[in-house]
């Protein structure tokens, strides 16, 4: 369970107080991504949403790799497994992230082909800055 710690200054407005109660995962998409992440000449909204979610979770965890599965991404974003998989492949082709499938043991139970997604901060920085 994630603990949310929020600092609210004494002079906060009612709007700021209301926003502080929102359940946010830091999933904020830089507007430049709509110009830099494209498919068929148009913004790749599925890939952008997916990268934003993954990047936000990595920021929250202070890590560049997360363990997540297609079902979790489906519940978060409302996208099908095929949409998620295809978008991850497109993001991999742009070297923005990579998927790794590993067999891990958790409390004596062997779990095969668990998906780990590693972001590439250098490449994400390149598409996020105005270079």
N, C-alpha and C. Protein backbone atom coordinates (compact mmCIF):
# COMPACT_ATOMS: atom_id res chain seq x y z
N UNK A 1 0.84 -1.18 0.00
CA UNK A 1 0.00 0.00 0.00
C UNK A 1 0.89 1.24 0.00
N UNK A 2 0.54 2.20 -0.86
CA UNK A 2 1.31 3.41 -1.01
C UNK A 2 0.83 4.46 -0.02
N UNK A 3 1.79 5.06 0.69
CA UNK A 3 1.45 6.13 1.61
C UNK A 3 1.69 7.45 0.92
N UNK A 4 0.70 8.32 0.97
CA UNK A 4 0.81 9.63 0.33
C UNK A 4 1.05 10.68 1.40
N UNK A 5 2.16 11.39 1.26
CA UNK A 5 2.49 12.46 2.19
C UNK A 5 2.39 13.76 1.42
N UNK A 6 1.58 14.67 1.89
CA UNK A 6 1.37 15.93 1.19
C UNK A 6 1.61 17.08 2.15
N UNK A 7 2.41 18.03 1.74
CA UNK A 7 2.62 19.25 2.51
C UNK A 7 1.61 20.28 2.02
N UNK A 8 0.82 20.83 2.90
CA UNK A 8 -0.15 21.86 2.55
C UNK A 8 0.19 23.12 3.32
N UNK A 9 0.59 24.19 2.61
CA UNK A 9 0.94 25.42 3.31
C UNK A 9 -0.26 26.04 4.00
N UNK A 10 0.01 26.84 5.04
CA UNK A 10 -1.06 27.48 5.81
C UNK A 10 -1.94 28.39 4.97
N UNK A 11 -1.39 28.99 3.91
CA UNK A 11 -2.16 29.93 3.11
C UNK A 11 -2.77 29.28 1.86
N UNK A 12 -2.94 27.96 1.86
CA UNK A 12 -3.48 27.26 0.69
C UNK A 12 -4.92 27.67 0.42
N UNK A 13 -5.26 27.80 -0.87
CA UNK A 13 -6.63 28.13 -1.26
C UNK A 13 -7.49 26.88 -1.17
N UNK A 14 -8.79 27.07 -1.22
CA UNK A 14 -9.71 25.93 -1.21
C UNK A 14 -9.45 25.01 -2.41
N UNK A 15 -9.15 25.61 -3.56
CA UNK A 15 -8.87 24.82 -4.76
C UNK A 15 -7.62 23.95 -4.55
N UNK A 16 -6.59 24.55 -3.95
CA UNK A 16 -5.37 23.80 -3.68
C UNK A 16 -5.62 22.67 -2.70
N UNK A 17 -6.45 22.93 -1.70
CA UNK A 17 -6.79 21.88 -0.74
C UNK A 17 -7.54 20.74 -1.43
N UNK A 18 -8.47 21.08 -2.32
CA UNK A 18 -9.22 20.06 -3.04
C UNK A 18 -8.29 19.23 -3.93
N UNK A 19 -7.34 19.90 -4.60
CA UNK A 19 -6.40 19.19 -5.46
C UNK A 19 -5.48 18.28 -4.66
N UNK A 20 -5.14 18.68 -3.44
CA UNK A 20 -4.23 17.87 -2.62
C UNK A 20 -4.86 16.55 -2.22
N UNK A 21 -6.20 16.47 -2.27
CA UNK A 21 -6.89 15.24 -1.89
C UNK A 21 -7.05 14.27 -3.05
N UNK A 22 -6.68 14.72 -4.27
CA UNK A 22 -6.78 13.86 -5.44
C UNK A 22 -5.74 12.76 -5.34
N UNK A 23 -6.07 11.58 -5.82
CA UNK A 23 -5.14 10.46 -5.82
C UNK A 23 -4.33 10.53 -7.11
N UNK A 24 -3.14 11.10 -7.03
CA UNK A 24 -2.31 11.30 -8.21
C UNK A 24 -1.12 10.36 -8.18
N UNK A 25 -0.73 9.89 -9.36
CA UNK A 25 0.45 9.04 -9.49
C UNK A 25 1.58 9.76 -10.23
N UNK A 26 1.49 11.08 -10.29
CA UNK A 26 2.48 11.88 -11.03
C UNK A 26 2.44 11.57 -12.52
N UNK A 27 1.31 11.11 -13.01
CA UNK A 27 1.14 10.82 -14.42
C UNK A 27 0.79 12.13 -15.13
N UNK A 28 1.81 12.91 -15.41
CA UNK A 28 1.64 14.18 -16.11
C UNK A 28 2.43 14.09 -17.40
N UNK A 29 1.77 14.33 -18.51
CA UNK A 29 2.39 14.16 -19.81
C UNK A 29 2.94 15.49 -20.32
N UNK A 30 4.23 15.57 -20.60
CA UNK A 30 4.77 16.78 -21.21
C UNK A 30 4.14 16.99 -22.59
N UNK A 31 3.68 18.18 -22.87
CA UNK A 31 2.95 18.42 -24.13
C UNK A 31 3.82 18.17 -25.35
N UNK A 32 5.12 18.30 -25.21
CA UNK A 32 6.00 18.08 -26.36
C UNK A 32 5.97 16.62 -26.83
N UNK A 33 5.59 15.69 -25.94
CA UNK A 33 5.50 14.29 -26.35
C UNK A 33 4.50 14.09 -27.48
N UNK A 34 3.47 14.93 -27.55
CA UNK A 34 2.48 14.81 -28.62
C UNK A 34 3.09 15.15 -29.98
N UNK A 35 4.21 15.83 -29.97
CA UNK A 35 4.91 16.17 -31.20
C UNK A 35 6.06 15.21 -31.49
N UNK A 36 6.51 14.50 -30.47
CA UNK A 36 7.70 13.65 -30.62
C UNK A 36 7.40 12.16 -30.68
N UNK A 37 6.27 11.72 -30.11
CA UNK A 37 5.92 10.30 -30.13
C UNK A 37 4.74 10.14 -31.08
N UNK A 38 5.04 9.65 -32.27
CA UNK A 38 4.02 9.60 -33.32
C UNK A 38 3.94 8.23 -33.95
N UNK A 39 2.79 7.95 -34.52
CA UNK A 39 2.60 6.77 -35.36
C UNK A 39 1.78 7.22 -36.55
N UNK A 40 2.22 6.85 -37.71
CA UNK A 40 1.55 7.24 -38.97
C UNK A 40 1.37 8.75 -39.06
N UNK A 41 2.35 9.50 -38.56
CA UNK A 41 2.33 10.95 -38.66
C UNK A 41 1.46 11.68 -37.65
N UNK A 42 0.79 10.94 -36.78
CA UNK A 42 -0.09 11.55 -35.77
C UNK A 42 0.41 11.17 -34.38
N UNK A 43 0.05 11.99 -33.37
CA UNK A 43 0.46 11.63 -32.01
C UNK A 43 -0.02 10.22 -31.64
N UNK A 44 0.88 9.44 -31.09
CA UNK A 44 0.56 8.07 -30.68
C UNK A 44 0.00 8.12 -29.26
N UNK A 45 -1.29 8.38 -29.17
CA UNK A 45 -1.92 8.62 -27.87
C UNK A 45 -1.81 7.42 -26.93
N UNK A 46 -1.90 6.22 -27.47
CA UNK A 46 -1.78 5.03 -26.63
C UNK A 46 -0.37 4.94 -26.05
N UNK A 47 0.64 5.09 -26.89
CA UNK A 47 2.03 5.01 -26.43
C UNK A 47 2.35 6.15 -25.46
N UNK A 48 1.83 7.34 -25.75
CA UNK A 48 2.08 8.49 -24.87
C UNK A 48 1.46 8.25 -23.49
N UNK A 49 0.23 7.76 -23.46
CA UNK A 49 -0.43 7.46 -22.18
C UNK A 49 0.33 6.40 -21.41
N UNK A 50 0.75 5.39 -22.12
CA UNK A 50 1.48 4.29 -21.49
C UNK A 50 2.82 4.76 -20.93
N UNK A 51 3.57 5.51 -21.72
CA UNK A 51 4.86 6.01 -21.25
C UNK A 51 4.67 6.94 -20.06
N UNK A 52 3.66 7.77 -20.11
CA UNK A 52 3.40 8.69 -19.01
C UNK A 52 3.11 7.93 -17.72
N UNK A 53 2.30 6.89 -17.80
CA UNK A 53 1.98 6.08 -16.62
C UNK A 53 3.22 5.38 -16.08
N UNK A 54 3.98 4.76 -16.96
CA UNK A 54 5.17 4.02 -16.54
C UNK A 54 6.21 4.98 -15.96
N UNK A 55 6.42 6.09 -16.62
CA UNK A 55 7.38 7.09 -16.15
C UNK A 55 6.96 7.63 -14.79
N UNK A 56 5.66 7.91 -14.63
CA UNK A 56 5.15 8.40 -13.35
C UNK A 56 5.36 7.40 -12.23
N UNK A 57 5.12 6.12 -12.51
CA UNK A 57 5.34 5.09 -11.48
C UNK A 57 6.82 4.97 -11.14
N UNK A 58 7.68 5.08 -12.15
CA UNK A 58 9.12 5.03 -11.88
C UNK A 58 9.54 6.20 -11.00
N UNK A 59 9.00 7.37 -11.28
CA UNK A 59 9.31 8.54 -10.44
C UNK A 59 8.85 8.31 -9.01
N UNK A 60 7.63 7.79 -8.84
CA UNK A 60 7.11 7.53 -7.50
C UNK A 60 7.99 6.55 -6.74
N UNK A 61 8.49 5.54 -7.44
CA UNK A 61 9.30 4.51 -6.80
C UNK A 61 10.78 4.87 -6.77
N UNK A 62 11.13 6.00 -7.40
CA UNK A 62 12.52 6.42 -7.49
C UNK A 62 13.40 5.31 -8.07
N UNK A 63 12.90 4.76 -9.18
CA UNK A 63 13.57 3.65 -9.84
C UNK A 63 13.42 3.83 -11.35
N UNK A 64 14.31 3.20 -12.11
CA UNK A 64 14.14 3.25 -13.56
C UNK A 64 13.59 1.93 -14.11
N UNK A 65 13.18 1.04 -13.21
CA UNK A 65 12.59 -0.23 -13.63
C UNK A 65 11.43 -0.58 -12.70
N UNK A 66 10.35 -1.05 -13.31
CA UNK A 66 9.19 -1.48 -12.51
C UNK A 66 8.74 -2.85 -12.99
N UNK A 67 8.12 -3.59 -12.09
CA UNK A 67 7.49 -4.86 -12.46
C UNK A 67 6.00 -4.55 -12.58
N UNK A 68 5.46 -4.80 -13.76
CA UNK A 68 4.04 -4.53 -14.01
C UNK A 68 3.58 -5.50 -15.07
N UNK A 69 2.28 -5.78 -15.09
CA UNK A 69 1.77 -6.71 -16.09
C UNK A 69 0.69 -6.05 -16.94
N UNK A 70 0.31 -6.74 -17.99
CA UNK A 70 -0.69 -6.20 -18.92
C UNK A 70 -2.03 -5.95 -18.23
N UNK A 71 -2.43 -6.84 -17.32
CA UNK A 71 -3.71 -6.66 -16.64
C UNK A 71 -3.74 -5.39 -15.79
N UNK A 72 -2.64 -5.11 -15.11
CA UNK A 72 -2.56 -3.89 -14.30
C UNK A 72 -2.64 -2.66 -15.19
N UNK A 73 -1.90 -2.67 -16.29
CA UNK A 73 -1.96 -1.54 -17.22
C UNK A 73 -3.35 -1.38 -17.82
N UNK A 74 -4.01 -2.51 -18.07
CA UNK A 74 -5.39 -2.47 -18.57
C UNK A 74 -6.31 -1.80 -17.56
N UNK A 75 -6.16 -2.15 -16.29
CA UNK A 75 -7.01 -1.56 -15.25
C UNK A 75 -6.74 -0.07 -15.08
N UNK A 76 -5.50 0.33 -15.21
CA UNK A 76 -5.14 1.74 -15.03
C UNK A 76 -5.60 2.58 -16.22
N UNK A 77 -5.33 2.09 -17.43
CA UNK A 77 -5.53 2.90 -18.62
C UNK A 77 -6.75 2.52 -19.45
N UNK A 78 -7.35 1.36 -19.19
CA UNK A 78 -8.51 0.95 -19.96
C UNK A 78 -8.17 0.53 -21.38
N UNK A 79 -6.93 0.12 -21.60
CA UNK A 79 -6.49 -0.32 -22.93
C UNK A 79 -6.45 -1.84 -22.98
N UNK A 80 -6.62 -2.40 -24.17
CA UNK A 80 -6.56 -3.85 -24.31
C UNK A 80 -5.12 -4.33 -24.25
N UNK A 81 -4.96 -5.62 -24.02
CA UNK A 81 -3.62 -6.21 -23.97
C UNK A 81 -2.89 -5.97 -25.29
N UNK A 82 -3.59 -6.13 -26.40
CA UNK A 82 -2.97 -5.93 -27.71
C UNK A 82 -2.54 -4.47 -27.92
N UNK A 83 -3.37 -3.52 -27.48
CA UNK A 83 -2.99 -2.11 -27.58
C UNK A 83 -1.75 -1.82 -26.75
N UNK A 84 -1.71 -2.35 -25.53
CA UNK A 84 -0.58 -2.13 -24.64
C UNK A 84 0.68 -2.75 -25.23
N UNK A 85 0.58 -3.99 -25.67
CA UNK A 85 1.75 -4.69 -26.21
C UNK A 85 2.29 -3.97 -27.45
N UNK A 86 1.41 -3.59 -28.35
CA UNK A 86 1.84 -2.90 -29.57
C UNK A 86 2.49 -1.55 -29.24
N UNK A 87 1.92 -0.82 -28.28
CA UNK A 87 2.49 0.47 -27.89
C UNK A 87 3.85 0.29 -27.22
N UNK A 88 4.00 -0.74 -26.39
CA UNK A 88 5.29 -1.01 -25.76
C UNK A 88 6.34 -1.32 -26.82
N UNK A 89 5.96 -2.06 -27.84
CA UNK A 89 6.90 -2.37 -28.93
C UNK A 89 7.30 -1.10 -29.66
N UNK A 90 6.35 -0.20 -29.91
CA UNK A 90 6.67 1.07 -30.56
C UNK A 90 7.61 1.91 -29.69
N UNK A 91 7.34 1.94 -28.38
CA UNK A 91 8.21 2.69 -27.46
C UNK A 91 9.60 2.07 -27.39
N UNK A 92 9.67 0.73 -27.46
CA UNK A 92 10.97 0.06 -27.49
C UNK A 92 11.73 0.41 -28.76
N UNK A 93 11.03 0.50 -29.88
CA UNK A 93 11.69 0.81 -31.15
C UNK A 93 12.27 2.23 -31.13
N UNK A 94 11.72 3.11 -30.30
CA UNK A 94 12.24 4.46 -30.14
C UNK A 94 13.26 4.53 -29.01
N UNK A 95 13.55 3.38 -28.41
CA UNK A 95 14.52 3.24 -27.33
C UNK A 95 14.16 4.05 -26.09
N UNK A 96 12.85 4.27 -25.87
CA UNK A 96 12.38 5.01 -24.70
C UNK A 96 12.25 4.10 -23.49
N UNK A 97 12.06 2.81 -23.74
CA UNK A 97 11.98 1.83 -22.67
C UNK A 97 12.31 0.46 -23.23
N UNK A 98 12.45 -0.50 -22.33
CA UNK A 98 12.65 -1.89 -22.75
C UNK A 98 11.89 -2.81 -21.80
N UNK A 99 11.44 -3.92 -22.36
CA UNK A 99 10.76 -4.93 -21.56
C UNK A 99 11.71 -6.09 -21.33
N UNK A 100 11.63 -6.65 -20.15
CA UNK A 100 12.39 -7.85 -19.83
C UNK A 100 11.44 -8.82 -19.16
N UNK A 101 11.51 -10.06 -19.56
CA UNK A 101 10.67 -11.10 -18.98
C UNK A 101 11.57 -12.04 -18.18
N UNK A 102 11.23 -12.21 -16.91
CA UNK A 102 12.07 -12.99 -16.02
C UNK A 102 11.25 -14.00 -15.24
N UNK A 103 11.90 -15.05 -14.84
CA UNK A 103 11.32 -16.01 -13.91
C UNK A 103 11.83 -15.63 -12.53
N UNK A 104 10.90 -15.40 -11.62
CA UNK A 104 11.28 -15.01 -10.26
C UNK A 104 10.55 -15.90 -9.26
N UNK A 105 11.13 -16.01 -8.08
CA UNK A 105 10.50 -16.77 -7.00
C UNK A 105 10.06 -15.79 -5.93
N UNK A 106 8.78 -15.88 -5.58
CA UNK A 106 8.21 -15.00 -4.56
C UNK A 106 7.59 -15.89 -3.49
N UNK A 107 8.15 -15.81 -2.30
CA UNK A 107 7.67 -16.61 -1.17
C UNK A 107 7.49 -18.09 -1.53
N UNK A 108 8.50 -18.63 -2.22
CA UNK A 108 8.50 -20.04 -2.57
C UNK A 108 7.70 -20.39 -3.81
N UNK A 109 7.05 -19.43 -4.43
CA UNK A 109 6.26 -19.68 -5.65
C UNK A 109 7.04 -19.15 -6.84
N UNK A 110 7.24 -20.02 -7.83
CA UNK A 110 7.96 -19.63 -9.03
C UNK A 110 6.98 -18.99 -10.01
N UNK A 111 7.29 -17.78 -10.42
CA UNK A 111 6.46 -17.05 -11.38
C UNK A 111 7.26 -16.87 -12.66
N UNK A 112 6.74 -17.43 -13.76
CA UNK A 112 7.44 -17.39 -15.04
C UNK A 112 6.99 -16.17 -15.84
N UNK A 113 7.93 -15.65 -16.61
CA UNK A 113 7.68 -14.56 -17.57
C UNK A 113 7.03 -13.33 -16.95
N UNK A 114 7.53 -12.94 -15.78
CA UNK A 114 7.06 -11.69 -15.19
C UNK A 114 7.68 -10.54 -15.99
N UNK A 115 6.86 -9.54 -16.31
CA UNK A 115 7.33 -8.44 -17.13
C UNK A 115 7.90 -7.32 -16.27
N UNK A 116 9.09 -6.89 -16.62
CA UNK A 116 9.73 -5.73 -16.02
C UNK A 116 9.93 -4.72 -17.12
N UNK A 117 9.60 -3.46 -16.84
CA UNK A 117 9.78 -2.40 -17.83
C UNK A 117 10.82 -1.43 -17.28
N UNK A 118 11.85 -1.21 -18.09
CA UNK A 118 12.91 -0.29 -17.72
C UNK A 118 12.85 0.93 -18.63
N UNK A 119 12.77 2.10 -18.03
CA UNK A 119 12.76 3.32 -18.84
C UNK A 119 14.18 3.71 -19.18
N UNK A 120 14.32 4.47 -20.25
CA UNK A 120 15.62 4.99 -20.66
C UNK A 120 15.59 6.50 -20.43
N UNK A 121 16.02 6.95 -19.24
CA UNK A 121 15.92 8.38 -18.90
C UNK A 121 16.61 9.29 -19.91
N UNK A 122 17.74 8.86 -20.48
CA UNK A 122 18.44 9.71 -21.43
C UNK A 122 17.60 9.96 -22.68
N UNK A 123 16.99 8.91 -23.21
CA UNK A 123 16.16 9.06 -24.41
C UNK A 123 14.88 9.84 -24.10
N UNK A 124 14.30 9.60 -22.93
CA UNK A 124 13.10 10.35 -22.54
C UNK A 124 13.43 11.82 -22.40
N UNK A 125 14.60 12.10 -21.83
CA UNK A 125 15.03 13.50 -21.70
C UNK A 125 15.19 14.16 -23.06
N UNK A 126 15.72 13.40 -24.03
CA UNK A 126 15.90 13.95 -25.38
C UNK A 126 14.57 14.36 -26.01
N UNK A 127 13.53 13.54 -25.84
CA UNK A 127 12.25 13.89 -26.47
C UNK A 127 11.48 14.92 -25.65
N UNK A 128 11.88 15.11 -24.41
CA UNK A 128 11.16 16.04 -23.53
C UNK A 128 11.73 17.45 -23.60
N UNK A 129 13.01 17.56 -23.88
CA UNK A 129 13.61 18.89 -23.98
C UNK A 129 13.50 19.38 -25.41
N UNK A 130 13.74 20.63 -25.61
CA UNK A 130 13.58 21.25 -26.93
C UNK A 130 14.82 21.13 -27.82
N UNK A 131 15.62 20.12 -27.63
CA UNK A 131 16.82 19.96 -28.48
C UNK A 131 16.46 19.39 -29.82
